[in-house]
Structure formats: C-alpha cells, structure tokens
PDB file of N, CA and C in Angstrom:
ATOM      1  N   MET A   1       8.460 -29.551  95.903  1.00  0.00           N
ATOM      2  CA  MET A   1       7.956 -28.432  94.667  1.00  0.00           C
ATOM      3  C   MET A   1       9.019 -28.296  93.731  1.00  0.00           C
ATOM      4  N   ASN A   2       8.895 -28.832  92.437  1.00  0.00           N
ATOM      5  CA  ASN A   2       9.856 -28.744  91.539  1.00  0.00           C
ATOM      6  C   ASN A   2      10.169 -27.369  90.831  1.00  0.00           C
ATOM      7  N   ARG A   3      11.217 -26.843  91.086  1.00  0.00           N
ATOM      8  CA  ARG A   3      11.536 -25.606  90.395  1.00  0.00           C
ATOM      9  C   ARG A   3      12.024 -25.608  89.177  1.00  0.00           C
ATOM     10  N   HIS A   4      12.477 -26.671  88.555  1.00  0.00           N
ATOM     11  CA  HIS A   4      12.738 -26.705  87.218  1.00  0.00           C
ATOM     12  C   HIS A   4      11.674 -26.512  86.316  1.00  0.00           C
ATOM     13  N   ARG A   5      11.796 -25.544  85.379  1.00  0.00           N
ATOM     14  CA  ARG A   5      10.889 -25.461  84.397  1.00  0.00           C
ATOM     15  C   ARG A   5      11.441 -26.426  82.976  1.00  0.00           C
ATOM     16  N   HIS A   6      10.414 -26.935  82.711  1.00  0.00           N
ATOM     17  CA  HIS A   6      10.999 -27.706  81.286  1.00  0.00           C
ATOM     18  C   HIS A   6      10.294 -26.697  80.088  1.00  0.00           C
ATOM     19  N   PRO A   7      11.125 -26.771  79.300  1.00  0.00           N
ATOM     20  CA  PRO A   7      10.492 -25.802  78.009  1.00  0.00           C
ATOM     21  C   PRO A   7       9.481 -26.574  77.327  1.00  0.00           C
ATOM     22  N   VAL A   8       8.577 -25.600  77.009  1.00  0.00           N
ATOM     23  CA  VAL A   8       7.482 -26.217  76.295  1.00  0.00           C
ATOM     24  C   VAL A   8       7.718 -26.039  74.841  1.00  0.00           C
ATOM     25  N   PRO A   9       7.598 -27.392  74.280  1.00  0.00           N
ATOM     26  CA  PRO A   9       7.974 -27.675  72.788  1.00  0.00           C
ATOM     27  C   PRO A   9       7.042 -26.542  71.897  1.00  0.00           C
ATOM     28  N   SER A  10       7.620 -26.134  71.185  1.00  0.00           N
ATOM     29  CA  SER A  10       7.054 -24.852  70.261  1.00  0.00           C
ATOM     30  C   SER A  10       6.153 -25.680  69.148  1.00  0.00           C
ATOM     31  N   ALA A  11       4.756 -25.162  68.963  1.00  0.00           N
ATOM     32  CA  ALA A  11       3.929 -25.616  68.160  1.00  0.00           C
ATOM     33  C   ALA A  11       4.562 -25.613  66.691  1.00  0.00           C
ATOM     34  N   PRO A  12       4.580 -26.656  65.942  1.00  0.00           N
ATOM     35  CA  PRO A  12       5.196 -26.141  64.489  1.00  0.00           C
ATOM     36  C   PRO A  12       4.374 -25.096  63.664  1.00  0.00           C
ATOM     37  N   LEU A  13       4.915 -24.561  62.744  1.00  0.00           N
ATOM     38  CA  LEU A  13       4.421 -23.271  62.305  1.00  0.00           C
ATOM     39  C   LEU A  13       3.607 -23.792  60.941  1.00  0.00           C
ATOM     40  N   ARG A  14       2.246 -23.438  60.922  1.00  0.00           N
ATOM     41  CA  ARG A  14       1.450 -23.917  59.989  1.00  0.00           C
ATOM     42  C   ARG A  14       1.479 -22.885  58.715  1.00  0.00           C
ATOM     43  N   HIS A  15       1.629 -23.574  57.431  1.00  0.00           N
ATOM     44  CA  HIS A  15       1.251 -22.928  56.550  1.00  0.00           C
ATOM     45  C   HIS A  15       0.419 -23.473  55.444  1.00  0.00           C
ATOM     46  N   ASP A  16      -0.163 -23.014  54.311  1.00  0.00           N
ATOM     47  CA  ASP A  16      -0.889 -23.610  53.561  1.00  0.00           C
ATOM     48  C   ASP A  16      -0.251 -24.016  52.105  1.00  0.00           C
ATOM     49  N   ASP A  17       1.131 -24.371  52.215  1.00  0.00           N
ATOM     50  CA  ASP A  17       1.834 -24.417  50.867  1.00  0.00           C
ATOM     51  C   ASP A  17       1.692 -25.903  50.765  1.00  0.00           C
ATOM     52  N   PRO A  18       1.179 -26.692  49.712  1.00  0.00           N
ATOM     53  CA  PRO A  18       0.893 -27.992  49.427  1.00  0.00           C
ATOM     54  C   PRO A  18       2.210 -28.329  48.862  1.00  0.00           C
ATOM     55  N   GLY A  19       3.171 -27.581  48.371  1.00  0.00           N
ATOM     56  CA  GLY A  19       4.373 -28.061  47.969  1.00  0.00           C
ATOM     57  C   GLY A  19       5.475 -27.922  48.955  1.00  0.00           C
ATOM     58  N   LEU A  20       5.212 -27.418  50.196  1.00  0.00           N
ATOM     59  CA  LEU A  20       6.030 -27.326  51.346  1.00  0.00           C
ATOM     60  C   LEU A  20       7.424 -26.531  50.910  1.00  0.00           C
ATOM     61  N   GLN A  21       7.081 -25.525  50.355  1.00  0.00           N
ATOM     62  CA  GLN A  21       8.366 -24.636  49.963  1.00  0.00           C
ATOM     63  C   GLN A  21       9.156 -24.266  51.041  1.00  0.00           C
ATOM     64  N   PRO A  22       8.684 -24.096  52.099  1.00  0.00           N
ATOM     65  CA  PRO A  22       9.891 -23.718  53.278  1.00  0.00           C
ATOM     66  C   PRO A  22      10.602 -24.863  53.495  1.00  0.00           C
ATOM     67  N   GLU A  23      10.142 -26.286  53.527  1.00  0.00           N
ATOM     68  CA  GLU A  23      10.714 -27.239  53.951  1.00  0.00           C
ATOM     69  C   GLU A  23      11.787 -27.403  52.592  1.00  0.00           C
ATOM     70  N   ARG A  24      11.353 -27.193  51.542  1.00  0.00           N
ATOM     71  CA  ARG A  24      12.432 -27.401  50.373  1.00  0.00           C
ATOM     72  C   ARG A  24      13.451 -26.576  50.776  1.00  0.00           C
ATOM     73  N   THR A  25      13.244 -25.139  50.855  1.00  0.00           N
ATOM     74  CA  THR A  25      14.445 -24.366  50.880  1.00  0.00           C
ATOM     75  C   THR A  25      15.323 -24.738  52.119  1.00  0.00           C
ATOM     76  N   LEU A  26      14.740 -25.208  53.429  1.00  0.00           N
ATOM     77  CA  LEU A  26      15.602 -25.812  54.404  1.00  0.00           C
ATOM     78  C   LEU A  26      16.453 -26.858  54.058  1.00  0.00           C
ATOM     79  N   LEU A  27      15.871 -27.594  53.274  1.00  0.00           N
ATOM     80  CA  LEU A  27      16.644 -28.867  52.594  1.00  0.00           C
ATOM     81  C   LEU A  27      17.738 -28.433  51.683  1.00  0.00           C
ATOM     82  N   ALA A  28      17.683 -27.584  50.965  1.00  0.00           N
ATOM     83  CA  ALA A  28      18.461 -26.779  49.978  1.00  0.00           C
ATOM     84  C   ALA A  28      19.728 -26.161  50.807  1.00  0.00           C
ATOM     85  N   TRP A  29      19.410 -25.352  51.802  1.00  0.00           N
ATOM     86  CA  TRP A  29      20.570 -24.718  52.486  1.00  0.00           C
ATOM     87  C   TRP A  29      21.089 -25.894  53.342  1.00  0.00           C
ATOM     88  N   ARG A  30      20.627 -27.236  53.661  1.00  0.00           N
ATOM     89  CA  ARG A  30      21.246 -28.078  54.355  1.00  0.00           C
ATOM     90  C   ARG A  30      22.091 -28.747  53.462  1.00  0.00           C
ATOM     91  N   ARG A  31      21.487 -28.943  52.125  1.00  0.00           N
ATOM     92  CA  ARG A  31      22.821 -29.529  51.274  1.00  0.00           C
ATOM     93  C   ARG A  31      23.809 -28.541  50.851  1.00  0.00           C
ATOM     94  N   THR A  32      23.651 -27.394  51.010  1.00  0.00           N
ATOM     95  CA  THR A  32      24.742 -26.562  50.661  1.00  0.00           C
ATOM     96  C   THR A  32      25.708 -26.536  52.024  1.00  0.00           C
ATOM     97  N   LEU A  33      25.251 -26.635  52.902  1.00  0.00           N
ATOM     98  CA  LEU A  33      25.968 -26.874  54.371  1.00  0.00           C
ATOM     99  C   LEU A  33      27.005 -28.137  54.140  1.00  0.00           C
ATOM    100  N   LEU A  34      26.310 -29.355  53.622  1.00  0.00           N
ATOM    101  CA  LEU A  34      27.099 -30.463  53.365  1.00  0.00           C
ATOM    102  C   LEU A  34      28.188 -30.235  52.293  1.00  0.00           C
ATOM    103  N   THR A  35      27.920 -29.408  51.407  1.00  0.00           N
ATOM    104  CA  THR A  35      28.956 -29.459  50.298  1.00  0.00           C
ATOM    105  C   THR A  35      29.958 -28.864  50.942  1.00  0.00           C
ATOM    106  N   LEU A  36      29.712 -27.459  51.498  1.00  0.00           N
ATOM    107  CA  LEU A  36      30.784 -26.884  52.235  1.00  0.00           C
ATOM    108  C   LEU A  36      31.682 -27.686  53.264  1.00  0.00           C
ATOM    109  N   ILE A  37      31.127 -28.613  54.270  1.00  0.00           N
ATOM    110  CA  ILE A  37      31.879 -29.509  54.653  1.00  0.00           C
ATOM    111  C   ILE A  37      32.486 -30.367  53.854  1.00  0.00           C
ATOM    112  N   GLY A  38      32.244 -30.875  52.852  1.00  0.00           N
ATOM    113  CA  GLY A  38      32.746 -31.747  51.780  1.00  0.00           C
ATOM    114  C   GLY A  38      34.116 -30.985  51.265  1.00  0.00           C
ATOM    115  N   VAL A  39      33.992 -29.729  50.973  1.00  0.00           N
ATOM    116  CA  VAL A  39      34.870 -28.687  50.473  1.00  0.00           C
ATOM    117  C   VAL A  39      35.987 -28.531  51.431  1.00  0.00           C
ATOM    118  N   CYS A  40      35.560 -28.452  52.683  1.00  0.00           N
ATOM    119  CA  CYS A  40      36.446 -28.228  54.030  1.00  0.00           C
ATOM    120  C   CYS A  40      37.439 -29.532  53.920  1.00  0.00           C
ATOM    121  N   ILE A  41      36.659 -30.779  53.771  1.00  0.00           N
ATOM    122  CA  ILE A  41      37.621 -31.890  53.890  1.00  0.00           C
ATOM    123  C   ILE A  41      38.447 -31.906  52.718  1.00  0.00           C
ATOM    124  N   LEU A  42      38.177 -31.562  51.439  1.00  0.00           N
ATOM    125  CA  LEU A  42      38.973 -31.544  50.410  1.00  0.00           C
ATOM    126  C   LEU A  42      40.280 -30.592  50.535  1.00  0.00           C
ATOM    127  N   PHE A  43      39.923 -29.426  50.999  1.00  0.00           N
ATOM    128  CA  PHE A  43      41.118 -28.503  51.330  1.00  0.00           C
ATOM    129  C   PHE A  43      41.717 -29.319  52.465  1.00  0.00           C
ATOM    130  N   LEU A  44      41.497 -30.091  53.320  1.00  0.00           N
ATOM    131  CA  LEU A  44      42.300 -30.441  54.384  1.00  0.00           C
ATOM    132  C   LEU A  44      43.443 -31.321  53.589  1.00  0.00           C
ATOM    133  N   ARG A  45      43.333 -32.071  52.536  1.00  0.00           N
ATOM    134  CA  ARG A  45      44.187 -32.830  51.645  1.00  0.00           C
ATOM    135  C   ARG A  45      45.396 -31.940  51.322  1.00  0.00           C
ATOM    136  N   TRP A  46      45.134 -30.620  50.998  1.00  0.00           N
ATOM    137  CA  TRP A  46      46.127 -29.526  50.634  1.00  0.00           C
ATOM    138  C   TRP A  46      47.139 -29.308  51.640  1.00  0.00           C
ATOM    139  N   ILE A  47      47.067 -29.601  53.012  1.00  0.00           N
ATOM    140  CA  ILE A  47      47.951 -29.414  53.825  1.00  0.00           C
ATOM    141  C   ILE A  47      49.343 -29.867  53.609  1.00  0.00           C
ATOM    142  N   PRO A  48      49.639 -31.137  53.437  1.00  0.00           N
ATOM    143  CA  PRO A  48      50.915 -31.463  53.010  1.00  0.00           C
ATOM    144  C   PRO A  48      51.699 -30.838  51.821  1.00  0.00           C
ATOM    145  N   PRO A  49      51.125 -30.731  50.758  1.00  0.00           N
ATOM    146  CA  PRO A  49      51.914 -29.595  49.778  1.00  0.00           C
ATOM    147  C   PRO A  49      51.974 -28.481  50.027  1.00  0.00           C
ATOM    148  N   PHE A  50      50.855 -27.719  50.485  1.00  0.00           N
ATOM    149  CA  PHE A  50      50.670 -26.387  50.468  1.00  0.00           C
ATOM    150  C   PHE A  50      51.329 -25.788  51.993  1.00  0.00           C
ATOM    151  N   GLY A  51      51.095 -26.656  53.082  1.00  0.00           N
ATOM    152  CA  GLY A  51      51.487 -26.077  54.300  1.00  0.00           C
ATOM    153  C   GLY A  51      50.119 -25.550  54.803  1.00  0.00           C
ATOM    154  N   LEU A  52      50.567 -24.492  55.957  1.00  0.00           N
ATOM    155  CA  LEU A  52      49.597 -23.741  56.506  1.00  0.00           C
ATOM    156  C   LEU A  52      48.695 -22.963  55.905  1.00  0.00           C
ATOM    157  N   MET A  53      49.172 -22.323  54.632  1.00  0.00           N
ATOM    158  CA  MET A  53      48.282 -21.748  53.468  1.00  0.00           C
ATOM    159  C   MET A  53      46.802 -22.571  53.125  1.00  0.00           C
ATOM    160  N   ALA A  54      46.756 -23.899  53.521  1.00  0.00           N
ATOM    161  CA  ALA A  54      45.662 -24.554  53.124  1.00  0.00           C
ATOM    162  C   ALA A  54      44.964 -24.520  54.112  1.00  0.00           C
ATOM    163  N   LEU A  55      45.037 -24.022  55.297  1.00  0.00           N
ATOM    164  CA  LEU A  55      44.049 -23.697  56.131  1.00  0.00           C
ATOM    165  C   LEU A  55      43.296 -22.484  56.065  1.00  0.00           C
ATOM    166  N   LEU A  56      43.459 -21.724  55.318  1.00  0.00           N
ATOM    167  CA  LEU A  56      42.764 -20.540  54.851  1.00  0.00           C
ATOM    168  C   LEU A  56      41.320 -20.982  54.374  1.00  0.00           C
ATOM    169  N   PRO A  57      41.438 -21.675  53.411  1.00  0.00           N
ATOM    170  CA  PRO A  57      40.090 -21.933  52.827  1.00  0.00           C
ATOM    171  C   PRO A  57      39.367 -23.054  53.801  1.00  0.00           C
ATOM    172  N   VAL A  58      40.163 -23.775  54.408  1.00  0.00           N
ATOM    173  CA  VAL A  58      39.397 -24.590  55.416  1.00  0.00           C
ATOM    174  C   VAL A  58      38.848 -24.006  56.656  1.00  0.00           C
ATOM    175  N   ILE A  59      39.389 -22.725  56.982  1.00  0.00           N
ATOM    176  CA  ILE A  59      38.794 -21.930  57.904  1.00  0.00           C
ATOM    177  C   ILE A  59      37.554 -21.209  57.452  1.00  0.00           C
ATOM    178  N   LEU A  60      37.742 -20.830  56.071  1.00  0.00           N
ATOM    179  CA  LEU A  60      36.688 -20.141  55.614  1.00  0.00           C
ATOM    180  C   LEU A  60      35.323 -20.626  55.145  1.00  0.00           C
ATOM    181  N   SER A  61      35.680 -21.928  54.815  1.00  0.00           N
ATOM    182  CA  SER A  61      34.483 -23.040  54.649  1.00  0.00           C
ATOM    183  C   SER A  61      33.820 -23.389  55.956  1.00  0.00           C
ATOM    184  N   LEU A  62      34.527 -23.336  56.945  1.00  0.00           N
ATOM    185  CA  LEU A  62      33.955 -23.923  58.422  1.00  0.00           C
ATOM    186  C   LEU A  62      33.164 -22.508  58.927  1.00  0.00           C
ATOM    187  N   ILE A  63      33.748 -21.250  58.697  1.00  0.00           N
ATOM    188  CA  ILE A  63      32.958 -20.108  59.059  1.00  0.00           C
ATOM    189  C   ILE A  63      31.395 -20.127  58.104  1.00  0.00           C
ATOM    190  N   ALA A  64      31.668 -20.165  57.008  1.00  0.00           N
ATOM    191  CA  ALA A  64      30.440 -20.092  56.115  1.00  0.00           C
ATOM    192  C   ALA A  64      29.433 -21.145  56.665  1.00  0.00           C
ATOM    193  N   GLY A  65      29.795 -22.338  56.763  1.00  0.00           N
ATOM    194  CA  GLY A  65      29.022 -23.332  57.346  1.00  0.00           C
ATOM    195  C   GLY A  65      28.406 -23.189  58.565  1.00  0.00           C
ATOM    196  N   ILE A  66      29.125 -22.850  59.500  1.00  0.00           N
ATOM    197  CA  ILE A  66      28.474 -22.380  61.195  1.00  0.00           C
ATOM    198  C   ILE A  66      27.558 -21.264  60.710  1.00  0.00           C
ATOM    199  N   LEU A  67      27.751 -20.323  59.948  1.00  0.00           N
ATOM    200  CA  LEU A  67      26.882 -19.210  59.793  1.00  0.00           C
ATOM    201  C   LEU A  67      25.498 -19.620  59.191  1.00  0.00           C
ATOM    202  N   ILE A  68      25.753 -20.643  58.186  1.00  0.00           N
ATOM    203  CA  ILE A  68      24.349 -21.173  57.504  1.00  0.00           C
ATOM    204  C   ILE A  68      23.683 -21.906  58.598  1.00  0.00           C
ATOM    205  N   GLN A  69      24.422 -22.742  59.422  1.00  0.00           N
ATOM    206  CA  GLN A  69      23.639 -23.770  60.476  1.00  0.00           C
ATOM    207  C   GLN A  69      23.064 -22.780  61.512  1.00  0.00           C
ATOM    208  N   ILE A  70      23.616 -21.681  61.707  1.00  0.00           N
ATOM    209  CA  ILE A  70      23.032 -20.918  62.943  1.00  0.00           C
ATOM    210  C   ILE A  70      21.839 -20.134  62.299  1.00  0.00           C
ATOM    211  N   GLY A  71      21.770 -19.921  60.929  1.00  0.00           N
ATOM    212  CA  GLY A  71      20.666 -19.527  60.523  1.00  0.00           C
ATOM    213  C   GLY A  71      19.403 -20.173  60.070  1.00  0.00           C
ATOM    214  N   LEU A  72      19.859 -21.494  59.899  1.00  0.00           N
ATOM    215  CA  LEU A  72      18.761 -22.401  59.246  1.00  0.00           C
ATOM    216  C   LEU A  72      17.214 -22.400  60.027  1.00  0.00           C
ATOM    217  N   ASN A  73      17.516 -22.289  61.463  1.00  0.00           N
ATOM    218  CA  ASN A  73      16.013 -22.426  61.897  1.00  0.00           C
ATOM    219  C   ASN A  73      15.534 -21.062  61.885  1.00  0.00           C
ATOM    220  N   ALA A  74      16.012 -19.684  62.056  1.00  0.00           N
ATOM    221  CA  ALA A  74      15.391 -18.615  61.876  1.00  0.00           C
ATOM    222  C   ALA A  74      14.997 -18.517  60.429  1.00  0.00           C
ATOM    223  N   ARG A  75      15.681 -19.037  59.696  1.00  0.00           N
ATOM    224  CA  ARG A  75      15.440 -18.758  58.056  1.00  0.00           C
ATOM    225  C   ARG A  75      13.964 -19.587  57.932  1.00  0.00           C
ATOM    226  N   TYR A  76      13.742 -20.617  58.231  1.00  0.00           N
ATOM    227  CA  TYR A  76      12.630 -21.819  58.288  1.00  0.00           C
ATOM    228  C   TYR A  76      11.480 -20.838  59.015  1.00  0.00           C
ATOM    229  N   ARG A  77      11.740 -20.297  60.180  1.00  0.00           N
ATOM    230  CA  ARG A  77      10.474 -19.690  60.771  1.00  0.00           C
ATOM    231  C   ARG A  77       9.818 -18.493  59.768  1.00  0.00           C
ATOM    232  N   LYS A  78      11.047 -17.812  59.388  1.00  0.00           N
ATOM    233  CA  LYS A  78      10.407 -16.492  58.574  1.00  0.00           C
ATOM    234  C   LYS A  78       9.982 -16.803  57.247  1.00  0.00           C
ATOM    235  N   SER A  79      10.427 -18.154  56.756  1.00  0.00           N
ATOM    236  CA  SER A  79       9.755 -18.653  55.396  1.00  0.00           C
ATOM    237  C   SER A  79       8.389 -19.003  55.737  1.00  0.00           C
ATOM    238  N   ALA A  80       8.164 -19.873  56.798  1.00  0.00           N
ATOM    239  CA  ALA A  80       6.884 -20.425  57.074  1.00  0.00           C
ATOM    240  C   ALA A  80       5.984 -19.221  57.269  1.00  0.00           C
ATOM    241  N   ARG A  81       6.150 -18.298  58.360  1.00  0.00           N
ATOM    242  CA  ARG A  81       5.313 -17.030  58.649  1.00  0.00           C
ATOM    243  C   ARG A  81       5.148 -16.413  57.307  1.00  0.00           C
ATOM    244  N   GLY A  82       5.993 -16.091  56.340  1.00  0.00           N
ATOM    245  CA  GLY A  82       5.862 -15.441  55.237  1.00  0.00           C
ATOM    246  C   GLY A  82       4.792 -16.118  54.288  1.00  0.00           C
ATOM    247  N   MET A  83       4.877 -17.447  54.437  1.00  0.00           N
ATOM    248  CA  MET A  83       3.543 -18.209  53.465  1.00  0.00           C
ATOM    249  C   MET A  83       2.249 -17.965  54.176  1.00  0.00           C
ATOM    250  N   THR A  84       2.259 -17.626  55.482  1.00  0.00           N
ATOM    251  CA  THR A  84       0.847 -17.333  55.896  1.00  0.00           C
ATOM    252  C   THR A  84       0.485 -15.942  55.507  1.00  0.00           C
ATOM    253  N   GLN A  85       1.381 -15.110  55.391  1.00  0.00           N
ATOM    254  CA  GLN A  85       1.166 -13.950  55.047  1.00  0.00           C
ATOM    255  C   GLN A  85       1.232 -13.478  53.651  1.00  0.00           C
ATOM    256  N   GLU A  86       1.568 -14.584  52.791  1.00  0.00           N
ATOM    257  CA  GLU A  86       1.500 -14.445  51.559  1.00  0.00           C
ATOM    258  C   GLU A  86       2.782 -13.318  51.001  1.00  0.00           C
ATOM    259  N   ARG A  87       3.667 -13.301  51.722  1.00  0.00           N
ATOM    260  CA  ARG A  87       4.965 -12.408  51.569  1.00  0.00           C
ATOM    261  C   ARG A  87       6.173 -12.777  52.025  1.00  0.00           C
ATOM    262  N   VAL A  88       7.143 -13.359  51.285  1.00  0.00           N
ATOM    263  CA  VAL A  88       8.449 -13.974  51.510  1.00  0.00           C
ATOM    264  C   VAL A  88       9.429 -13.131  50.976  1.00  0.00           C
ATOM    265  N   ALA A  89      10.144 -12.829  52.014  1.00  0.00           N
ATOM    266  CA  ALA A  89      11.365 -12.007  51.417  1.00  0.00           C
ATOM    267  C   ALA A  89      12.617 -12.893  51.120  1.00  0.00           C
ATOM    268  N   PRO A  90      13.095 -12.646  49.902  1.00  0.00           N
ATOM    269  CA  PRO A  90      14.366 -13.297  49.504  1.00  0.00           C
ATOM    270  C   PRO A  90      15.559 -13.122  50.454  1.00  0.00           C
ATOM    271  N   PRO A  91      15.993 -14.281  50.624  1.00  0.00           N
ATOM    272  CA  PRO A  91      17.603 -14.279  51.586  1.00  0.00           C
ATOM    273  C   PRO A  91      18.685 -13.675  50.911  1.00  0.00           C
ATOM    274  N   LEU A  92      18.488 -12.337  50.470  1.00  0.00           N
ATOM    275  CA  LEU A  92      19.468 -12.025  49.690  1.00  0.00           C
ATOM    276  C   LEU A  92      21.079 -11.744  50.579  1.00  0.00           C
ATOM    277  N   ARG A  93      21.185 -11.425  51.743  1.00  0.00           N
ATOM    278  CA  ARG A  93      22.119 -11.364  52.660  1.00  0.00           C
ATOM    279  C   ARG A  93      22.922 -12.991  52.532  1.00  0.00           C
ATOM    280  N   GLU A  94      22.130 -13.670  52.764  1.00  0.00           N
ATOM    281  CA  GLU A  94      22.733 -15.076  52.930  1.00  0.00           C
ATOM    282  C   GLU A  94      23.246 -15.684  51.333  1.00  0.00           C
ATOM    283  N   VAL A  95      22.593 -15.249  50.264  1.00  0.00           N
ATOM    284  CA  VAL A  95      23.064 -15.720  48.910  1.00  0.00           C
ATOM    285  C   VAL A  95      24.155 -14.956  48.340  1.00  0.00           C
ATOM    286  N   VAL A  96      24.344 -13.537  48.967  1.00  0.00           N
ATOM    287  CA  VAL A  96      25.483 -12.728  48.806  1.00  0.00           C
ATOM    288  C   VAL A  96      26.732 -13.346  49.353  1.00  0.00           C
ATOM    289  N   MET A  97      26.356 -13.649  50.642  1.00  0.00           N
ATOM    290  CA  MET A  97      27.484 -14.070  51.482  1.00  0.00           C
ATOM    291  C   MET A  97      28.101 -15.592  50.845  1.00  0.00           C
ATOM    292  N   LEU A  98      27.070 -16.555  50.568  1.00  0.00           N
ATOM    293  CA  LEU A  98      27.472 -17.636  50.036  1.00  0.00           C
ATOM    294  C   LEU A  98      28.287 -17.554  48.681  1.00  0.00           C
ATOM    295  N   GLY A  99      27.976 -16.573  47.983  1.00  0.00           N
ATOM    296  CA  GLY A  99      28.377 -16.437  46.609  1.00  0.00           C
ATOM    297  C   GLY A  99      30.000 -15.742  46.606  1.00  0.00           C
ATOM    298  N   CYS A 100      30.067 -15.004  47.725  1.00  0.00           N
ATOM    299  CA  CYS A 100      31.399 -14.482  48.048  1.00  0.00           C
ATOM    300  C   CYS A 100      32.159 -15.635  48.559  1.00  0.00           C
ATOM    301  N   THR A 101      31.616 -16.515  49.270  1.00  0.00           N
ATOM    302  CA  THR A 101      32.492 -17.425  49.692  1.00  0.00           C
ATOM    303  C   THR A 101      32.971 -18.349  48.702  1.00  0.00           C
ATOM    304  N   VAL A 102      32.120 -18.648  47.970  1.00  0.00           N
ATOM    305  CA  VAL A 102      32.549 -19.634  46.875  1.00  0.00           C
ATOM    306  C   VAL A 102      33.499 -18.714  45.789  1.00  0.00           C
ATOM    307  N   MET A 103      33.383 -17.680  45.433  1.00  0.00           N
ATOM    308  CA  MET A 103      34.160 -16.910  44.841  1.00  0.00           C
ATOM    309  C   MET A 103      35.670 -16.917  45.471  1.00  0.00           C
ATOM    310  N   LEU A 104      35.662 -16.631  46.572  1.00  0.00           N
ATOM    311  CA  LEU A 104      36.931 -16.527  47.445  1.00  0.00           C
ATOM    312  C   LEU A 104      37.657 -17.861  47.478  1.00  0.00           C
ATOM    313  N   LEU A 105      36.728 -19.223  47.713  1.00  0.00           N
ATOM    314  CA  LEU A 105      37.404 -20.222  47.667  1.00  0.00           C
ATOM    315  C   LEU A 105      37.784 -20.788  46.141  1.00  0.00           C
ATOM    316  N   SER A 106      37.211 -20.206  45.072  1.00  0.00           N
ATOM    317  CA  SER A 106      37.684 -20.493  43.825  1.00  0.00           C
ATOM    318  C   SER A 106      39.233 -19.920  43.449  1.00  0.00           C
ATOM    319  N   VAL A 107      39.046 -18.506  44.054  1.00  0.00           N
ATOM    320  CA  VAL A 107      40.310 -17.673  43.894  1.00  0.00           C
ATOM    321  C   VAL A 107      41.473 -18.488  44.373  1.00  0.00           C
ATOM    322  N   VAL A 108      41.329 -18.834  45.893  1.00  0.00           N
ATOM    323  CA  VAL A 108      42.377 -19.602  46.538  1.00  0.00           C
ATOM    324  C   VAL A 108      42.830 -20.912  45.792  1.00  0.00           C
ATOM    325  N   GLY A 109      41.779 -21.711  45.340  1.00  0.00           N
ATOM    326  CA  GLY A 109      42.150 -23.045  44.655  1.00  0.00           C
ATOM    327  C   GLY A 109      42.826 -22.573  43.621  1.00  0.00           C
ATOM    328  N   VAL A 110      42.527 -21.702  42.449  1.00  0.00           N
ATOM    329  CA  VAL A 110      43.481 -21.269  41.197  1.00  0.00           C
ATOM    330  C   VAL A 110      44.553 -20.959  41.698  1.00  0.00           C
ATOM    331  N   ILE A 111      45.105 -19.946  42.931  1.00  0.00           N
ATOM    332  CA  ILE A 111      46.303 -19.684  43.365  1.00  0.00           C
ATOM    333  C   ILE A 111      47.149 -20.746  43.857  1.00  0.00           C
ATOM    334  N   ALA A 112      46.402 -21.663  44.237  1.00  0.00           N
ATOM    335  CA  ALA A 112      47.085 -22.839  44.670  1.00  0.00           C
ATOM    336  C   ALA A 112      47.523 -23.833  43.554  1.00  0.00           C
ATOM    337  N   VAL A 113      46.662 -24.005  42.693  1.00  0.00           N
ATOM    338  CA  VAL A 113      47.237 -24.879  41.647  1.00  0.00           C
ATOM    339  C   VAL A 113      48.074 -24.084  40.648  1.00  0.00           C
ATOM    340  N   VAL A 114      47.956 -22.699  40.304  1.00  0.00           N
ATOM    341  CA  VAL A 114      49.119 -22.003  39.453  1.00  0.00           C
ATOM    342  C   VAL A 114      50.368 -21.852  40.477  1.00  0.00           C
ATOM    343  N   SER A 115      50.536 -21.654  41.810  1.00  0.00           N
ATOM    344  CA  SER A 115      51.583 -21.613  42.444  1.00  0.00           C
ATOM    345  C   SER A 115      52.363 -23.043  42.558  1.00  0.00           C
ATOM    346  N   GLY A 116      51.481 -24.206  42.684  1.00  0.00           N
ATOM    347  CA  GLY A 116      51.950 -25.266  43.003  1.00  0.00           C
ATOM    348  C   GLY A 116      52.468 -26.265  41.656  1.00  0.00           C
TER     349      GLY A 116
END
C-alpha cells in the first residue's frame, strides 16, 4: 500500500477575459522582478569604489525581488478570481512598496554619486 500522497495538480483558474488581463499583469510583475535583479547586479559593480555601503541597495533590491516573487502566484489567483466575479481590487500595497523601493534606491544612488 502506497502511503505517499501525490499532490493533485490544481485546475487552472478560468476567466472570461479575451485579453488575458491576469496573465498580462503577471508578466508585468515578472518584468519588474527581472529589472530589480538587473539593478541588483549593477549595484554589485559599486562594491570596489564604495565598499560595503554598496551592499545596502543590493540587499534592498533582493528583498523587494523576493517579496514580488512570493506574491506572484497569489496575485494571479486573486486577479483571475476577481475577473470571474467582475471585481478586481488594485494591488495598492505592492505598488506603494515598489514605489518606495525605487525612491530609496534612487536616493542611495544620488548620495553615492555626489559623495564619490
């Protein structure tokens, strides 16, 4: 008797959006994640001239990227469910967090350029 249970793949969420809005939103957030990874790599180049202070934006970019990745699947399910119910709440918390991250990275970049 096999006691191991294999997870049953969940059925894809169905919605009636011919433009596939939830899929477009998911792809947009994935592009944002890739951009944050690119920013993180660019900030790694700052380590030789600026020392360990350059790790602050790297860590900030990584944390923001990890949080985006963690929320992607839940965000997609929420959006697809909202499409079937004809009511989709905007991702206000995620947008505010991303805006604050970009602002903080910009401030760190300006401080590094001015002090360097």
